[in-house]
Amino acid sequence: MSPITGRIFDRYGARKMATTGMTLLTLGTIPFVFLTENSSFLMIIILYAIRTIGVALVMMNLLLSV
């Protein structure tokens, strides 16, 4: 994800990238509350992938600001 997020950072800047990352992180985390033992494995994988993309977008900004 780092090469992709680097290009996004150069094109759109830190603010838009962090906002998008936090939005994806939130949208990927909230549905975990509604999962049950009958939830499909595919749904869990999709939600986890959305969260991971959000974390990658946010972490890029944190690492560059240090």
PDB file of N, CA and C in Angstrom:
ATOM      1  N   MET A   1       0.812  -1.203   0.000  1.00  0.00           N
ATOM      2  CA  MET A   1       0.000   0.000   0.000  1.00  0.00           C
ATOM      3  C   MET A   1       0.851   1.260   0.000  1.00  0.00           C
ATOM      4  N   SER A   2       2.065   1.209   0.470  1.00  0.00           N
ATOM      5  CA  SER A   2       2.869   2.426   0.604  1.00  0.00           C
ATOM      6  C   SER A   2       3.132   3.141  -0.715  1.00  0.00           C
ATOM      7  N   PRO A   3       3.479   2.453  -1.805  1.00  0.00           N
ATOM      8  CA  PRO A   3       3.673   3.193  -3.051  1.00  0.00           C
ATOM      9  C   PRO A   3       2.394   3.872  -3.539  1.00  0.00           C
ATOM     10  N   ILE A   4       1.277   3.209  -3.322  1.00  0.00           N
ATOM     11  CA  ILE A   4      -0.002   3.787  -3.751  1.00  0.00           C
ATOM     12  C   ILE A   4      -0.358   4.984  -2.883  1.00  0.00           C
ATOM     13  N   THR A   5      -0.222   4.845  -1.578  1.00  0.00           N
ATOM     14  CA  THR A   5      -0.560   5.967  -0.699  1.00  0.00           C
ATOM     15  C   THR A   5       0.409   7.125  -0.874  1.00  0.00           C
ATOM     16  N   GLY A   6       1.645   6.847  -1.270  1.00  0.00           N
ATOM     17  CA  GLY A   6       2.594   7.918  -1.549  1.00  0.00           C
ATOM     18  C   GLY A   6       2.153   8.765  -2.728  1.00  0.00           C
ATOM     19  N   ARG A   7       1.666   8.118  -3.770  1.00  0.00           N
ATOM     20  CA  ARG A   7       1.154   8.863  -4.929  1.00  0.00           C
ATOM     21  C   ARG A   7      -0.083   9.664  -4.567  1.00  0.00           C
ATOM     22  N   ILE A   8      -0.955   9.072  -3.771  1.00  0.00           N
ATOM     23  CA  ILE A   8      -2.162   9.788  -3.340  1.00  0.00           C
ATOM     24  C   ILE A   8      -1.778  10.989  -2.491  1.00  0.00           C
ATOM     25  N   PHE A   9      -0.796  10.829  -1.616  1.00  0.00           N
ATOM     26  CA  PHE A   9      -0.347  11.930  -0.765  1.00  0.00           C
ATOM     27  C   PHE A   9       0.198  13.077  -1.608  1.00  0.00           C
ATOM     28  N   ASP A  10       1.012  12.757  -2.609  1.00  0.00           N
ATOM     29  CA  ASP A  10       1.578  13.797  -3.466  1.00  0.00           C
ATOM     30  C   ASP A  10       0.508  14.525  -4.270  1.00  0.00           C
ATOM     31  N   ARG A  11      -0.519  13.812  -4.661  1.00  0.00           N
ATOM     32  CA  ARG A  11      -1.545  14.414  -5.504  1.00  0.00           C
ATOM     33  C   ARG A  11      -2.564  15.226  -4.706  1.00  0.00           C
ATOM     34  N   TYR A  12      -3.039  14.703  -3.573  1.00  0.00           N
ATOM     35  CA  TYR A  12      -4.152  15.335  -2.860  1.00  0.00           C
ATOM     36  C   TYR A  12      -3.774  16.004  -1.548  1.00  0.00           C
ATOM     37  N   GLY A  13      -2.659  15.661  -0.967  1.00  0.00           N
ATOM     38  CA  GLY A  13      -2.250  16.277   0.286  1.00  0.00           C
ATOM     39  C   GLY A  13      -2.674  15.477   1.506  1.00  0.00           C
ATOM     40  N   ALA A  14      -2.151  15.917   2.645  1.00  0.00           N
ATOM     41  CA  ALA A  14      -2.334  15.174   3.892  1.00  0.00           C
ATOM     42  C   ALA A  14      -3.753  15.250   4.426  1.00  0.00           C
ATOM     43  N   ARG A  15      -4.380  16.405   4.338  1.00  0.00           N
ATOM     44  CA  ARG A  15      -5.703  16.573   4.945  1.00  0.00           C
ATOM     45  C   ARG A  15      -6.746  15.676   4.297  1.00  0.00           C
ATOM     46  N   LYS A  16      -6.816  15.672   2.976  1.00  0.00           N
ATOM     47  CA  LYS A  16      -7.802  14.836   2.284  1.00  0.00           C
ATOM     48  C   LYS A  16      -7.508  13.354   2.500  1.00  0.00           C
ATOM     49  N   MET A  17      -6.238  13.034   2.533  1.00  0.00           N
ATOM     50  CA  MET A  17      -5.859  11.643   2.723  1.00  0.00           C
ATOM     51  C   MET A  17      -6.212  11.147   4.122  1.00  0.00           C
ATOM     52  N   ALA A  18      -5.957  11.952   5.129  1.00  0.00           N
ATOM     53  CA  ALA A  18      -6.282  11.564   6.505  1.00  0.00           C
ATOM     54  C   ALA A  18      -7.791  11.483   6.701  1.00  0.00           C
ATOM     55  N   THR A  19      -8.518  12.418   6.113  1.00  0.00           N
ATOM     56  CA  THR A  19      -9.979  12.396   6.231  1.00  0.00           C
ATOM     57  C   THR A  19     -10.555  11.150   5.571  1.00  0.00           C
ATOM     58  N   THR A  20     -10.071  10.830   4.393  1.00  0.00           N
ATOM     59  CA  THR A  20     -10.536   9.627   3.705  1.00  0.00           C
ATOM     60  C   THR A  20     -10.165   8.373   4.491  1.00  0.00           C
ATOM     61  N   GLY A  21      -8.965   8.335   5.023  1.00  0.00           N
ATOM     62  CA  GLY A  21      -8.525   7.179   5.804  1.00  0.00           C
ATOM     63  C   GLY A  21      -9.354   6.972   7.056  1.00  0.00           C
ATOM     64  N   MET A  22      -9.632   8.049   7.781  1.00  0.00           N
ATOM     65  CA  MET A  22     -10.448   7.923   8.996  1.00  0.00           C
ATOM     66  C   MET A  22     -11.883   7.526   8.658  1.00  0.00           C
ATOM     67  N   THR A  23     -12.395   8.030   7.532  1.00  0.00           N
ATOM     68  CA  THR A  23     -13.742   7.642   7.105  1.00  0.00           C
ATOM     69  C   THR A  23     -13.787   6.152   6.781  1.00  0.00           C
ATOM     70  N   LEU A  24     -12.819   5.667   6.020  1.00  0.00           N
ATOM     71  CA  LEU A  24     -12.776   4.237   5.705  1.00  0.00           C
ATOM     72  C   LEU A  24     -12.585   3.393   6.957  1.00  0.00           C
ATOM     73  N   LEU A  25     -11.763   3.867   7.857  1.00  0.00           N
ATOM     74  CA  LEU A  25     -11.538   3.150   9.111  1.00  0.00           C
ATOM     75  C   LEU A  25     -12.829   3.048   9.916  1.00  0.00           C
ATOM     76  N   THR A  26     -13.572   4.132   9.985  1.00  0.00           N
ATOM     77  CA  THR A  26     -14.847   4.130  10.708  1.00  0.00           C
ATOM     78  C   THR A  26     -15.870   3.237  10.022  1.00  0.00           C
ATOM     79  N   LEU A  27     -15.993   3.378   8.688  1.00  0.00           N
ATOM     80  CA  LEU A  27     -16.964   2.570   7.948  1.00  0.00           C
ATOM     81  C   LEU A  27     -16.619   1.081   7.975  1.00  0.00           C
ATOM     82  N   GLY A  28     -15.363   0.756   8.130  1.00  0.00           N
ATOM     83  CA  GLY A  28     -14.967  -0.641   8.217  1.00  0.00           C
ATOM     84  C   GLY A  28     -15.060  -1.217   9.610  1.00  0.00           C
ATOM     85  N   THR A  29     -15.096  -0.356  10.633  1.00  0.00           N
ATOM     86  CA  THR A  29     -15.124  -0.827  12.016  1.00  0.00           C
ATOM     87  C   THR A  29     -16.542  -0.971  12.555  1.00  0.00           C
ATOM     88  N   ILE A  30     -17.399  -0.025  12.273  1.00  0.00           N
ATOM     89  CA  ILE A  30     -18.766  -0.033  12.827  1.00  0.00           C
ATOM     90  C   ILE A  30     -19.529  -1.323  12.514  1.00  0.00           C
ATOM     91  N   PRO A  31     -19.478  -1.860  11.290  1.00  0.00           N
ATOM     92  CA  PRO A  31     -20.234  -3.097  11.030  1.00  0.00           C
ATOM     93  C   PRO A  31     -19.786  -4.306  11.844  1.00  0.00           C
ATOM     94  N   PHE A  32     -18.596  -4.286  12.424  1.00  0.00           N
ATOM     95  CA  PHE A  32     -18.160  -5.404  13.257  1.00  0.00           C
ATOM     96  C   PHE A  32     -19.061  -5.586  14.477  1.00  0.00           C
ATOM     97  N   VAL A  33     -19.724  -4.538  14.903  1.00  0.00           N
ATOM     98  CA  VAL A  33     -20.641  -4.630  16.043  1.00  0.00           C
ATOM     99  C   VAL A  33     -21.822  -5.544  15.710  1.00  0.00           C
ATOM    100  N   PHE A  34     -22.218  -5.564  14.442  1.00  0.00           N
ATOM    101  CA  PHE A  34     -23.409  -6.298  14.030  1.00  0.00           C
ATOM    102  C   PHE A  34     -23.119  -7.710  13.527  1.00  0.00           C
ATOM    103  N   LEU A  35     -21.873  -8.146  13.575  1.00  0.00           N
ATOM    104  CA  LEU A  35     -21.549  -9.496  13.134  1.00  0.00           C
ATOM    105  C   LEU A  35     -22.032 -10.517  14.158  1.00  0.00           C
ATOM    106  N   THR A  36     -22.468 -11.635  13.670  1.00  0.00           N
ATOM    107  CA  THR A  36     -22.901 -12.734  14.531  1.00  0.00           C
ATOM    108  C   THR A  36     -22.079 -13.977  14.184  1.00  0.00           C
ATOM    109  N   GLU A  37     -22.362 -15.061  14.862  1.00  0.00           N
ATOM    110  CA  GLU A  37     -21.650 -16.297  14.554  1.00  0.00           C
ATOM    111  C   GLU A  37     -22.047 -16.851  13.190  1.00  0.00           C
ATOM    112  N   ASN A  38     -23.150 -16.350  12.623  1.00  0.00           N
ATOM    113  CA  ASN A  38     -23.598 -16.795  11.306  1.00  0.00           C
ATOM    114  C   ASN A  38     -23.123 -15.876  10.183  1.00  0.00           C
ATOM    115  N   SER A  39     -22.352 -14.868  10.502  1.00  0.00           N
ATOM    116  CA  SER A  39     -21.857 -13.944   9.481  1.00  0.00           C
ATOM    117  C   SER A  39     -20.872 -14.665   8.566  1.00  0.00           C
ATOM    118  N   SER A  40     -20.917 -14.290   7.301  1.00  0.00           N
ATOM    119  CA  SER A  40     -20.057 -14.969   6.336  1.00  0.00           C
ATOM    120  C   SER A  40     -18.602 -14.535   6.499  1.00  0.00           C
ATOM    121  N   PHE A  41     -17.725 -15.454   6.193  1.00  0.00           N
ATOM    122  CA  PHE A  41     -16.295 -15.190   6.262  1.00  0.00           C
ATOM    123  C   PHE A  41     -15.903 -14.122   5.245  1.00  0.00           C
ATOM    124  N   LEU A  42     -16.580 -14.114   4.099  1.00  0.00           N
ATOM    125  CA  LEU A  42     -16.309 -13.115   3.068  1.00  0.00           C
ATOM    126  C   LEU A  42     -16.622 -11.710   3.566  1.00  0.00           C
ATOM    127  N   MET A  43     -17.689 -11.544   4.321  1.00  0.00           N
ATOM    128  CA  MET A  43     -18.044 -10.232   4.868  1.00  0.00           C
ATOM    129  C   MET A  43     -16.966  -9.741   5.833  1.00  0.00           C
ATOM    130  N   ILE A  44     -16.458 -10.630   6.655  1.00  0.00           N
ATOM    131  CA  ILE A  44     -15.398 -10.257   7.594  1.00  0.00           C
ATOM    132  C   ILE A  44     -14.136  -9.844   6.837  1.00  0.00           C
ATOM    133  N   ILE A  45     -13.804 -10.567   5.785  1.00  0.00           N
ATOM    134  CA  ILE A  45     -12.623 -10.231   4.984  1.00  0.00           C
ATOM    135  C   ILE A  45     -12.785  -8.867   4.324  1.00  0.00           C
ATOM    136  N   ILE A  46     -13.957  -8.578   3.773  1.00  0.00           N
ATOM    137  CA  ILE A  46     -14.204  -7.286   3.119  1.00  0.00           C
ATOM    138  C   ILE A  46     -14.112  -6.149   4.123  1.00  0.00           C
ATOM    139  N   LEU A  47     -14.726  -6.318   5.286  1.00  0.00           N
ATOM    140  CA  LEU A  47     -14.663  -5.272   6.313  1.00  0.00           C
ATOM    141  C   LEU A  47     -13.233  -5.047   6.789  1.00  0.00           C
ATOM    142  N   TYR A  48     -12.494  -6.127   6.948  1.00  0.00           N
ATOM    143  CA  TYR A  48     -11.108  -6.003   7.396  1.00  0.00           C
ATOM    144  C   TYR A  48     -10.248  -5.318   6.330  1.00  0.00           C
ATOM    145  N   ALA A  49     -10.526  -5.599   5.059  1.00  0.00           N
ATOM    146  CA  ALA A  49      -9.786  -4.953   3.970  1.00  0.00           C
ATOM    147  C   ALA A  49     -10.057  -3.450   3.942  1.00  0.00           C
ATOM    148  N   ILE A  50     -11.302  -3.052   4.160  1.00  0.00           N
ATOM    149  CA  ILE A  50     -11.646  -1.626   4.202  1.00  0.00           C
ATOM    150  C   ILE A  50     -10.909  -0.951   5.348  1.00  0.00           C
ATOM    151  N   ARG A  51     -10.899  -1.592   6.499  1.00  0.00           N
ATOM    152  CA  ARG A  51     -10.178  -1.029   7.658  1.00  0.00           C
ATOM    153  C   ARG A  51      -8.685  -0.907   7.375  1.00  0.00           C
ATOM    154  N   THR A  52      -8.115  -1.903   6.734  1.00  0.00           N
ATOM    155  CA  THR A  52      -6.684  -1.896   6.456  1.00  0.00           C
ATOM    156  C   THR A  52      -6.303  -0.768   5.500  1.00  0.00           C
ATOM    157  N   ILE A  53      -7.127  -0.525   4.498  1.00  0.00           N
ATOM    158  CA  ILE A  53      -6.873   0.592   3.587  1.00  0.00           C
ATOM    159  C   ILE A  53      -6.954   1.910   4.345  1.00  0.00           C
ATOM    160  N   GLY A  54      -7.929   2.039   5.234  1.00  0.00           N
ATOM    161  CA  GLY A  54      -8.044   3.250   6.046  1.00  0.00           C
ATOM    162  C   GLY A  54      -6.834   3.464   6.931  1.00  0.00           C
ATOM    163  N   VAL A  55      -6.343   2.397   7.540  1.00  0.00           N
ATOM    164  CA  VAL A  55      -5.154   2.503   8.394  1.00  0.00           C
ATOM    165  C   VAL A  55      -3.940   2.910   7.563  1.00  0.00           C
ATOM    166  N   ALA A  56      -3.802   2.353   6.371  1.00  0.00           N
ATOM    167  CA  ALA A  56      -2.664   2.703   5.516  1.00  0.00           C
ATOM    168  C   ALA A  56      -2.691   4.181   5.145  1.00  0.00           C
ATOM    169  N   LEU A  57      -3.870   4.711   4.864  1.00  0.00           N
ATOM    170  CA  LEU A  57      -3.974   6.130   4.509  1.00  0.00           C
ATOM    171  C   LEU A  57      -3.655   7.032   5.695  1.00  0.00           C
ATOM    172  N   VAL A  58      -4.077   6.647   6.878  1.00  0.00           N
ATOM    173  CA  VAL A  58      -3.828   7.468   8.069  1.00  0.00           C
ATOM    174  C   VAL A  58      -2.368   7.355   8.510  1.00  0.00           C
ATOM    175  N   MET A  59      -1.813   6.157   8.498  1.00  0.00           N
ATOM    176  CA  MET A  59      -0.446   5.955   8.976  1.00  0.00           C
ATOM    177  C   MET A  59       0.576   6.686   8.120  1.00  0.00           C
ATOM    178  N   MET A  60       0.313   6.815   6.832  1.00  0.00           N
ATOM    179  CA  MET A  60       1.239   7.541   5.962  1.00  0.00           C
ATOM    180  C   MET A  60       1.403   8.977   6.453  1.00  0.00           C
ATOM    181  N   ASN A  61       0.305   9.618   6.830  1.00  0.00           N
ATOM    182  CA  ASN A  61       0.369  10.989   7.332  1.00  0.00           C
ATOM    183  C   ASN A  61       1.106  11.059   8.659  1.00  0.00           C
ATOM    184  N   LEU A  62       0.874  10.097   9.530  1.00  0.00           N
ATOM    185  CA  LEU A  62       1.544  10.107  10.829  1.00  0.00           C
ATOM    186  C   LEU A  62       3.052   9.928  10.695  1.00  0.00           C
ATOM    187  N   LEU A  63       3.460   9.060   9.804  1.00  0.00           N
ATOM    188  CA  LEU A  63       4.894   8.827   9.620  1.00  0.00           C
ATOM    189  C   LEU A  63       5.593  10.028   8.991  1.00  0.00           C
ATOM    190  N   LEU A  64       4.914  10.732   8.117  1.00  0.00           N
ATOM    191  CA  LEU A  64       5.529  11.888   7.466  1.00  0.00           C
ATOM    192  C   LEU A  64       5.586  13.110   8.370  1.00  0.00           C
ATOM    193  N   SER A  65       4.725  13.166   9.372  1.00  0.00           N
ATOM    194  CA  SER A  65       4.701  14.345  10.235  1.00  0.00           C
ATOM    195  C   SER A  65       5.717  14.267  11.367  1.00  0.00           C
ATOM    196  N   VAL A  66       6.349  13.123  11.563  1.00  0.00           N
ATOM    197  CA  VAL A  66       7.333  12.957  12.639  1.00  0.00           C
ATOM    198  C   VAL A  66       8.660  13.553  12.249  1.00  0.00           C
TER     199      VAL A  66
END
